[in-house]
């Protein structure tokens, strides 16, 4: 059995083995189509317990961008914000109408343009669901190490 494990590891079939797992469990994992990922080895037919929620950064000043055309990051909590066909909580602070009195950043003029570049009187439907592009920041370490460097012009 140890020889089989060594062959599987050498072939790259398994990426990591938990010190707590047994050889039998590792072999079953491979035989059942287990996948080695950033979340660890998980059986495809097993639902694993969800990770703990990360601590979201509370209100802070705007976060610098790392590359040109990066959507601004959200420097505050957005949990329980309704962004649906009926309402958009983001616009209650960031629309041009309310941004000044709320002390919030105005949404970009590009959000008031149609796909063809026509200027609209309200936010374009294709830009209405803010949280598709603008993400809330959490106090979390990177999943993998990287050597990403900001664009020179933004340093």
N, C-alpha and C. Protein backbone atom coordinates (compact mmCIF):
# COMPACT_ATOMS: atom_id res chain seq x y z
N UNK A 1 0.82 -1.19 0.00
CA UNK A 1 0.00 0.00 0.00
C UNK A 1 0.87 1.26 0.00
N UNK A 2 1.96 1.26 0.76
CA UNK A 2 2.85 2.42 0.77
C UNK A 2 3.44 2.66 -0.62
N UNK A 3 3.72 1.56 -1.37
CA UNK A 3 4.26 1.72 -2.71
C UNK A 3 3.23 2.41 -3.61
N UNK A 4 1.97 2.02 -3.48
CA UNK A 4 0.92 2.61 -4.29
C UNK A 4 0.79 4.10 -3.97
N UNK A 5 0.86 4.45 -2.69
CA UNK A 5 0.80 5.87 -2.31
C UNK A 5 1.96 6.64 -2.92
N UNK A 6 3.15 6.07 -2.86
CA UNK A 6 4.33 6.73 -3.40
C UNK A 6 4.18 6.94 -4.91
N UNK A 7 3.64 5.95 -5.62
CA UNK A 7 3.43 6.07 -7.06
C UNK A 7 2.40 7.16 -7.36
N UNK A 8 1.31 7.18 -6.61
CA UNK A 8 0.27 8.19 -6.83
C UNK A 8 0.80 9.59 -6.56
N UNK A 9 1.58 9.74 -5.49
CA UNK A 9 2.15 11.04 -5.16
C UNK A 9 3.15 11.47 -6.22
N UNK A 10 3.99 10.56 -6.67
CA UNK A 10 4.99 10.88 -7.69
C UNK A 10 4.33 11.25 -9.02
N UNK A 11 3.21 10.64 -9.31
CA UNK A 11 2.51 10.91 -10.57
C UNK A 11 1.70 12.21 -10.50
N UNK A 12 1.66 12.82 -9.35
CA UNK A 12 0.91 14.06 -9.20
C UNK A 12 -0.58 13.84 -9.01
N UNK A 13 -0.99 12.59 -8.74
CA UNK A 13 -2.40 12.31 -8.54
C UNK A 13 -2.89 12.93 -7.25
N UNK A 14 -2.05 12.93 -6.23
CA UNK A 14 -2.40 13.55 -4.96
C UNK A 14 -1.44 14.71 -4.72
N UNK A 15 -1.96 15.83 -4.26
CA UNK A 15 -1.12 16.99 -4.04
C UNK A 15 -0.68 17.10 -2.59
N UNK A 16 -1.53 16.71 -1.67
CA UNK A 16 -1.16 16.76 -0.26
C UNK A 16 -1.95 15.71 0.49
N UNK A 17 -1.37 15.25 1.57
CA UNK A 17 -2.03 14.25 2.39
C UNK A 17 -2.06 14.77 3.81
N UNK A 18 -3.22 14.82 4.40
CA UNK A 18 -3.36 15.28 5.77
C UNK A 18 -2.67 14.29 6.69
N UNK A 19 -2.00 14.83 7.69
CA UNK A 19 -1.33 13.97 8.65
C UNK A 19 -2.33 13.12 9.42
N UNK A 20 -3.59 13.57 9.48
CA UNK A 20 -4.60 12.84 10.22
C UNK A 20 -5.26 11.74 9.40
N UNK A 21 -5.12 11.80 8.06
CA UNK A 21 -5.79 10.82 7.22
C UNK A 21 -5.02 9.50 7.22
N UNK A 22 -5.73 8.44 7.00
CA UNK A 22 -5.08 7.13 6.93
C UNK A 22 -4.79 6.80 5.47
N UNK A 23 -3.91 5.83 5.26
CA UNK A 23 -3.59 5.42 3.89
C UNK A 23 -4.84 4.96 3.18
N UNK A 24 -5.70 4.24 3.87
CA UNK A 24 -6.94 3.73 3.27
C UNK A 24 -7.82 4.88 2.82
N UNK A 25 -7.95 5.91 3.64
CA UNK A 25 -8.79 7.06 3.29
C UNK A 25 -8.24 7.76 2.05
N UNK A 26 -6.90 7.85 1.96
CA UNK A 26 -6.28 8.51 0.80
C UNK A 26 -6.56 7.70 -0.46
N UNK A 27 -6.40 6.38 -0.37
CA UNK A 27 -6.66 5.52 -1.53
C UNK A 27 -8.13 5.63 -1.93
N UNK A 28 -9.05 5.60 -0.97
CA UNK A 28 -10.48 5.74 -1.28
C UNK A 28 -10.74 7.08 -1.95
N UNK A 29 -10.06 8.12 -1.46
CA UNK A 29 -10.26 9.45 -2.04
C UNK A 29 -9.92 9.44 -3.52
N UNK A 30 -8.81 8.84 -3.89
CA UNK A 30 -8.41 8.76 -5.29
C UNK A 30 -9.39 7.91 -6.07
N UNK A 31 -9.78 6.77 -5.50
CA UNK A 31 -10.69 5.88 -6.20
C UNK A 31 -12.08 6.48 -6.37
N UNK A 32 -12.49 7.36 -5.48
CA UNK A 32 -13.80 7.98 -5.57
C UNK A 32 -13.78 9.28 -6.37
N UNK A 33 -12.66 9.61 -7.00
CA UNK A 33 -12.59 10.82 -7.80
C UNK A 33 -12.34 12.06 -6.99
N UNK A 34 -11.68 11.94 -5.83
CA UNK A 34 -11.40 13.11 -4.99
C UNK A 34 -10.57 14.14 -5.73
N UNK A 35 -10.70 15.37 -5.35
CA UNK A 35 -10.01 16.46 -6.01
C UNK A 35 -9.15 17.18 -4.99
N UNK A 36 -7.88 17.38 -5.31
CA UNK A 36 -7.01 18.17 -4.44
C UNK A 36 -7.14 19.62 -4.88
N UNK A 37 -7.48 20.49 -3.96
CA UNK A 37 -7.68 21.90 -4.30
C UNK A 37 -7.18 22.77 -3.17
N UNK A 38 -7.41 24.08 -3.29
CA UNK A 38 -7.02 25.00 -2.22
C UNK A 38 -7.78 24.72 -0.94
N UNK A 39 -8.92 24.06 -1.03
CA UNK A 39 -9.72 23.72 0.15
C UNK A 39 -9.29 22.40 0.77
N UNK A 40 -8.34 21.72 0.16
CA UNK A 40 -7.91 20.42 0.66
C UNK A 40 -8.53 19.31 -0.15
N UNK A 41 -8.26 18.08 0.23
CA UNK A 41 -8.81 16.94 -0.50
C UNK A 41 -10.25 16.73 -0.06
N UNK A 42 -11.16 16.78 -1.01
CA UNK A 42 -12.58 16.66 -0.72
C UNK A 42 -13.20 15.64 -1.65
N UNK A 43 -13.97 14.74 -1.11
CA UNK A 43 -14.69 13.78 -1.93
C UNK A 43 -15.72 14.51 -2.78
N UNK A 44 -15.86 14.12 -4.04
CA UNK A 44 -16.81 14.78 -4.91
C UNK A 44 -18.25 14.54 -4.49
N UNK A 45 -18.50 13.40 -3.85
CA UNK A 45 -19.88 13.08 -3.45
C UNK A 45 -20.16 13.46 -1.99
N UNK A 46 -19.27 14.24 -1.38
CA UNK A 46 -19.42 14.65 0.01
C UNK A 46 -19.47 16.17 0.10
N UNK A 47 -20.41 16.67 0.86
CA UNK A 47 -20.46 18.10 1.11
C UNK A 47 -19.69 18.38 2.39
N UNK A 48 -18.67 19.19 2.27
CA UNK A 48 -17.88 19.50 3.45
C UNK A 48 -18.42 20.73 4.14
N UNK A 49 -18.08 20.87 5.41
CA UNK A 49 -18.52 22.01 6.20
C UNK A 49 -17.94 23.29 5.60
N UNK A 50 -18.75 24.32 5.53
CA UNK A 50 -18.31 25.60 4.97
C UNK A 50 -17.25 26.23 5.86
N UNK A 51 -16.33 26.96 5.24
CA UNK A 51 -15.33 27.69 6.00
C UNK A 51 -16.01 28.79 6.80
N UNK A 52 -15.36 29.22 7.86
CA UNK A 52 -15.86 30.34 8.64
C UNK A 52 -15.86 31.59 7.76
N UNK A 53 -16.85 32.47 7.97
CA UNK A 53 -16.88 33.72 7.23
C UNK A 53 -15.70 34.59 7.65
N UNK A 54 -15.11 35.27 6.69
CA UNK A 54 -14.00 36.17 6.98
C UNK A 54 -14.53 37.45 7.60
N UNK A 55 -13.71 38.10 8.40
CA UNK A 55 -14.09 39.36 9.03
C UNK A 55 -14.01 40.46 7.98
N UNK A 56 -15.15 41.09 7.72
CA UNK A 56 -15.21 42.15 6.72
C UNK A 56 -14.68 43.44 7.33
N UNK A 57 -13.90 44.15 6.54
CA UNK A 57 -13.34 45.41 6.98
C UNK A 57 -14.49 46.41 7.15
N UNK A 58 -14.53 47.08 8.29
CA UNK A 58 -15.57 48.07 8.54
C UNK A 58 -15.22 49.37 7.82
N UNK A 59 -16.13 50.31 7.85
CA UNK A 59 -15.96 51.57 7.11
C UNK A 59 -14.54 52.10 7.17
N UNK A 60 -14.03 52.45 6.01
CA UNK A 60 -12.70 53.03 5.90
C UNK A 60 -12.64 53.89 4.66
N UNK A 61 -11.54 54.57 4.45
CA UNK A 61 -11.40 55.43 3.28
C UNK A 61 -11.28 54.55 2.03
N UNK A 62 -11.50 55.13 0.85
CA UNK A 62 -11.42 54.33 -0.38
C UNK A 62 -10.09 53.58 -0.50
N UNK A 63 -10.15 52.42 -1.10
CA UNK A 63 -8.99 51.55 -1.26
C UNK A 63 -8.35 51.83 -2.61
N UNK A 64 -7.01 51.99 -2.62
CA UNK A 64 -6.30 52.24 -3.87
C UNK A 64 -6.50 51.09 -4.85
N UNK A 65 -6.49 51.41 -6.13
CA UNK A 65 -6.63 50.41 -7.18
C UNK A 65 -5.26 49.88 -7.57
N UNK A 66 -5.23 48.67 -8.09
CA UNK A 66 -3.97 48.03 -8.46
C UNK A 66 -3.72 47.99 -9.96
N UNK A 67 -4.75 48.21 -10.77
CA UNK A 67 -4.57 48.23 -12.21
C UNK A 67 -5.61 49.14 -12.85
N UNK A 68 -5.31 49.61 -14.04
CA UNK A 68 -6.20 50.51 -14.76
C UNK A 68 -7.51 49.79 -15.07
N UNK A 69 -8.62 50.48 -14.93
CA UNK A 69 -9.98 49.96 -15.14
C UNK A 69 -10.43 48.96 -14.08
N UNK A 70 -9.70 48.86 -12.98
CA UNK A 70 -10.16 48.01 -11.88
C UNK A 70 -11.38 48.67 -11.26
N UNK A 71 -12.48 47.93 -11.10
CA UNK A 71 -13.63 48.52 -10.40
C UNK A 71 -13.22 48.85 -8.96
N UNK A 72 -13.63 50.00 -8.44
CA UNK A 72 -13.27 50.32 -7.06
C UNK A 72 -13.74 49.23 -6.10
N UNK A 73 -12.94 48.97 -5.08
CA UNK A 73 -13.30 48.00 -4.06
C UNK A 73 -14.20 48.68 -3.05
N UNK A 74 -15.09 47.93 -2.43
CA UNK A 74 -16.04 48.48 -1.47
C UNK A 74 -15.37 48.51 -0.09
N UNK A 75 -15.18 49.71 0.49
CA UNK A 75 -14.48 49.80 1.77
C UNK A 75 -15.41 49.76 2.98
N UNK A 76 -16.54 49.06 2.84
CA UNK A 76 -17.48 48.96 3.97
C UNK A 76 -18.32 47.70 3.83
N UNK A 77 -19.01 47.35 4.88
CA UNK A 77 -19.89 46.18 4.93
C UNK A 77 -21.04 46.32 3.92
N UNK A 78 -21.41 45.24 3.25
CA UNK A 78 -22.56 45.27 2.34
C UNK A 78 -23.58 44.18 2.68
N UNK A 79 -23.34 43.48 3.78
CA UNK A 79 -24.28 42.44 4.17
C UNK A 79 -25.66 43.05 4.41
N UNK A 80 -26.68 42.40 3.95
CA UNK A 80 -28.08 42.83 4.05
C UNK A 80 -28.41 44.01 3.14
N UNK A 81 -27.52 44.35 2.22
CA UNK A 81 -27.83 45.37 1.23
C UNK A 81 -28.71 44.72 0.17
N UNK A 82 -29.84 45.31 -0.11
CA UNK A 82 -30.69 44.77 -1.17
C UNK A 82 -30.24 45.38 -2.49
N UNK A 83 -29.89 44.52 -3.43
CA UNK A 83 -29.62 44.93 -4.80
C UNK A 83 -30.41 43.95 -5.66
N UNK A 84 -31.60 44.38 -6.02
CA UNK A 84 -32.51 43.53 -6.79
C UNK A 84 -33.21 44.37 -7.85
N UNK A 85 -34.11 43.77 -8.60
CA UNK A 85 -34.88 44.53 -9.59
C UNK A 85 -35.69 45.64 -8.94
N UNK A 86 -36.05 45.47 -7.68
CA UNK A 86 -36.92 46.42 -6.98
C UNK A 86 -36.17 47.53 -6.24
N UNK A 87 -34.95 47.28 -5.85
CA UNK A 87 -34.22 48.25 -5.04
C UNK A 87 -32.72 48.07 -5.21
N UNK A 88 -31.98 49.16 -4.97
CA UNK A 88 -30.52 49.10 -5.00
C UNK A 88 -30.00 50.00 -3.88
N UNK A 89 -29.64 49.39 -2.78
CA UNK A 89 -29.16 50.11 -1.59
C UNK A 89 -27.92 50.95 -1.90
N UNK A 90 -27.08 50.50 -2.81
CA UNK A 90 -25.86 51.24 -3.15
C UNK A 90 -26.19 52.64 -3.67
N UNK A 91 -27.25 52.74 -4.47
CA UNK A 91 -27.61 54.02 -5.07
C UNK A 91 -28.14 55.03 -4.05
N UNK A 92 -28.56 54.57 -2.88
CA UNK A 92 -29.05 55.51 -1.86
C UNK A 92 -27.92 56.36 -1.30
N UNK A 93 -26.68 55.99 -1.54
CA UNK A 93 -25.53 56.80 -1.12
C UNK A 93 -24.67 57.25 -2.30
N UNK A 94 -24.50 56.40 -3.30
CA UNK A 94 -23.52 56.65 -4.35
C UNK A 94 -24.09 57.27 -5.62
N UNK A 95 -25.39 57.41 -5.73
CA UNK A 95 -25.95 58.05 -6.93
C UNK A 95 -25.53 59.52 -6.92
N UNK A 96 -25.56 60.15 -8.07
CA UNK A 96 -25.17 61.56 -8.16
C UNK A 96 -26.08 62.43 -7.31
N UNK A 97 -27.31 62.00 -7.15
CA UNK A 97 -28.28 62.78 -6.38
C UNK A 97 -27.91 62.84 -4.89
N UNK A 98 -27.43 61.74 -4.32
CA UNK A 98 -27.21 61.64 -2.87
C UNK A 98 -25.75 61.63 -2.43
N UNK A 99 -24.81 61.44 -3.32
CA UNK A 99 -23.40 61.26 -2.94
C UNK A 99 -22.87 62.44 -2.12
N UNK A 100 -23.20 63.65 -2.51
CA UNK A 100 -22.69 64.83 -1.79
C UNK A 100 -23.14 64.87 -0.34
N UNK A 101 -24.42 64.69 -0.10
CA UNK A 101 -24.93 64.77 1.28
C UNK A 101 -24.53 63.55 2.10
N UNK A 102 -24.26 62.41 1.45
CA UNK A 102 -23.88 61.20 2.18
C UNK A 102 -22.36 61.10 2.38
N UNK A 103 -21.60 61.95 1.68
CA UNK A 103 -20.14 61.88 1.79
C UNK A 103 -19.58 60.65 1.10
N UNK A 104 -20.29 60.15 0.10
CA UNK A 104 -19.87 58.94 -0.61
C UNK A 104 -19.30 59.30 -1.99
N UNK A 105 -18.57 58.39 -2.57
CA UNK A 105 -18.05 58.56 -3.92
C UNK A 105 -19.19 58.43 -4.92
N UNK A 106 -19.24 59.34 -5.88
CA UNK A 106 -20.25 59.25 -6.93
C UNK A 106 -19.91 58.11 -7.87
N UNK A 107 -20.95 57.44 -8.37
CA UNK A 107 -20.69 56.39 -9.35
C UNK A 107 -20.23 57.03 -10.65
N UNK A 108 -19.45 56.31 -11.40
CA UNK A 108 -18.85 56.82 -12.62
C UNK A 108 -19.90 57.18 -13.67
N UNK A 109 -19.58 58.17 -14.50
CA UNK A 109 -20.48 58.55 -15.60
C UNK A 109 -20.68 57.39 -16.56
N UNK A 110 -19.73 56.48 -16.62
CA UNK A 110 -19.87 55.31 -17.52
C UNK A 110 -21.06 54.45 -17.14
N UNK A 111 -21.50 54.54 -15.89
CA UNK A 111 -22.64 53.76 -15.44
C UNK A 111 -23.97 54.34 -15.93
N UNK A 112 -23.91 55.52 -16.53
CA UNK A 112 -25.10 56.17 -17.08
C UNK A 112 -25.11 56.10 -18.61
N UNK A 113 -24.32 55.20 -19.17
CA UNK A 113 -24.26 55.05 -20.63
C UNK A 113 -24.77 53.69 -21.05
N UNK A 114 -25.46 53.67 -22.18
CA UNK A 114 -25.91 52.39 -22.74
C UNK A 114 -24.72 51.70 -23.39
N UNK A 115 -24.92 50.50 -23.83
CA UNK A 115 -23.87 49.74 -24.50
C UNK A 115 -23.37 50.48 -25.75
N UNK A 116 -24.26 51.23 -26.38
CA UNK A 116 -23.91 51.97 -27.60
C UNK A 116 -23.31 53.34 -27.30
N UNK A 117 -23.16 53.70 -26.01
CA UNK A 117 -22.57 54.97 -25.62
C UNK A 117 -23.57 56.09 -25.45
N UNK A 118 -24.85 55.80 -25.59
CA UNK A 118 -25.92 56.80 -25.42
C UNK A 118 -26.01 57.16 -23.93
N UNK A 119 -26.09 58.45 -23.63
CA UNK A 119 -26.20 58.91 -22.24
C UNK A 119 -27.64 58.73 -21.77
N UNK A 120 -27.79 58.09 -20.61
CA UNK A 120 -29.11 57.81 -20.04
C UNK A 120 -29.38 58.73 -18.86
N UNK A 121 -30.65 58.88 -18.48
CA UNK A 121 -31.00 59.72 -17.34
C UNK A 121 -30.88 58.97 -16.02
N UNK A 122 -30.73 57.66 -16.07
CA UNK A 122 -30.59 56.85 -14.86
C UNK A 122 -29.52 55.80 -15.11
N UNK A 123 -29.17 55.06 -14.09
CA UNK A 123 -28.13 54.04 -14.20
C UNK A 123 -28.53 53.00 -15.24
N UNK A 124 -27.58 52.65 -16.08
CA UNK A 124 -27.80 51.66 -17.13
C UNK A 124 -28.15 50.31 -16.51
N UNK A 125 -29.12 49.60 -17.09
CA UNK A 125 -29.46 48.27 -16.55
C UNK A 125 -28.26 47.32 -16.50
N UNK A 126 -27.31 47.48 -17.41
CA UNK A 126 -26.15 46.57 -17.40
C UNK A 126 -25.16 46.94 -16.29
N UNK A 127 -25.33 48.09 -15.64
CA UNK A 127 -24.46 48.51 -14.54
C UNK A 127 -25.21 48.59 -13.21
N UNK A 128 -26.43 48.11 -13.18
CA UNK A 128 -27.30 48.27 -12.01
C UNK A 128 -26.91 47.36 -10.84
N UNK A 129 -26.43 46.17 -11.10
CA UNK A 129 -26.12 45.19 -10.04
C UNK A 129 -24.66 45.36 -9.61
N UNK A 130 -24.44 46.34 -8.75
CA UNK A 130 -23.11 46.81 -8.36
C UNK A 130 -22.17 45.71 -7.88
N UNK A 131 -22.70 44.78 -7.09
CA UNK A 131 -21.85 43.79 -6.43
C UNK A 131 -21.36 42.69 -7.36
N UNK A 132 -21.69 42.80 -8.63
CA UNK A 132 -21.10 41.88 -9.62
C UNK A 132 -19.64 42.26 -9.87
N UNK A 133 -19.34 43.54 -9.80
CA UNK A 133 -17.97 44.02 -10.09
C UNK A 133 -17.27 44.60 -8.86
N UNK A 134 -18.03 45.25 -8.01
CA UNK A 134 -17.46 45.91 -6.84
C UNK A 134 -17.60 44.96 -5.65
N UNK A 135 -16.46 44.57 -5.08
CA UNK A 135 -16.47 43.57 -4.02
C UNK A 135 -16.06 44.14 -2.67
N UNK A 136 -16.70 43.66 -1.64
CA UNK A 136 -16.37 44.05 -0.27
C UNK A 136 -15.06 43.37 0.12
N UNK A 137 -14.23 44.07 0.87
CA UNK A 137 -12.94 43.53 1.28
C UNK A 137 -13.03 42.85 2.63
N UNK A 138 -12.33 41.74 2.75
CA UNK A 138 -12.29 41.00 4.00
C UNK A 138 -10.85 40.93 4.51
N UNK A 139 -10.72 40.78 5.80
CA UNK A 139 -9.41 40.63 6.42
C UNK A 139 -9.00 39.17 6.27
N UNK A 140 -8.44 38.83 5.11
CA UNK A 140 -8.09 37.44 4.83
C UNK A 140 -6.74 37.39 4.14
N UNK A 141 -5.99 36.35 4.43
CA UNK A 141 -4.70 36.19 3.76
C UNK A 141 -4.94 35.58 2.38
N UNK A 142 -4.04 35.82 1.43
CA UNK A 142 -4.20 35.26 0.09
C UNK A 142 -4.24 33.73 0.13
N UNK A 143 -5.01 33.14 -0.78
CA UNK A 143 -5.09 31.69 -0.84
C UNK A 143 -3.78 31.08 -1.32
N UNK A 144 -3.12 31.77 -2.22
CA UNK A 144 -1.82 31.31 -2.71
C UNK A 144 -0.87 32.49 -2.72
N UNK A 145 0.42 32.22 -2.61
CA UNK A 145 1.41 33.29 -2.68
C UNK A 145 1.50 33.78 -4.11
N UNK A 146 1.74 35.06 -4.28
CA UNK A 146 1.94 35.59 -5.62
C UNK A 146 2.88 36.77 -5.56
N UNK A 147 3.37 37.19 -6.72
CA UNK A 147 4.28 38.33 -6.76
C UNK A 147 3.69 39.47 -7.59
N UNK A 148 2.36 39.61 -7.52
CA UNK A 148 1.66 40.66 -8.25
C UNK A 148 2.17 42.02 -7.81
N UNK A 149 2.41 42.89 -8.78
CA UNK A 149 2.85 44.25 -8.50
C UNK A 149 1.87 45.21 -9.17
N UNK A 150 1.55 46.30 -8.48
CA UNK A 150 0.65 47.30 -9.03
C UNK A 150 1.23 47.89 -10.31
N UNK A 151 0.37 48.38 -11.18
CA UNK A 151 0.78 49.06 -12.38
C UNK A 151 1.63 50.26 -11.98
N UNK A 152 2.74 50.47 -12.67
CA UNK A 152 3.66 51.56 -12.33
C UNK A 152 2.97 52.90 -12.19
N UNK A 153 2.06 53.21 -13.08
CA UNK A 153 1.41 54.52 -13.06
C UNK A 153 0.49 54.71 -11.85
N UNK A 154 0.17 53.64 -11.13
CA UNK A 154 -0.70 53.74 -9.96
C UNK A 154 0.04 53.65 -8.65
N UNK A 155 1.38 53.52 -8.70
CA UNK A 155 2.16 53.40 -7.46
C UNK A 155 2.28 54.72 -6.76
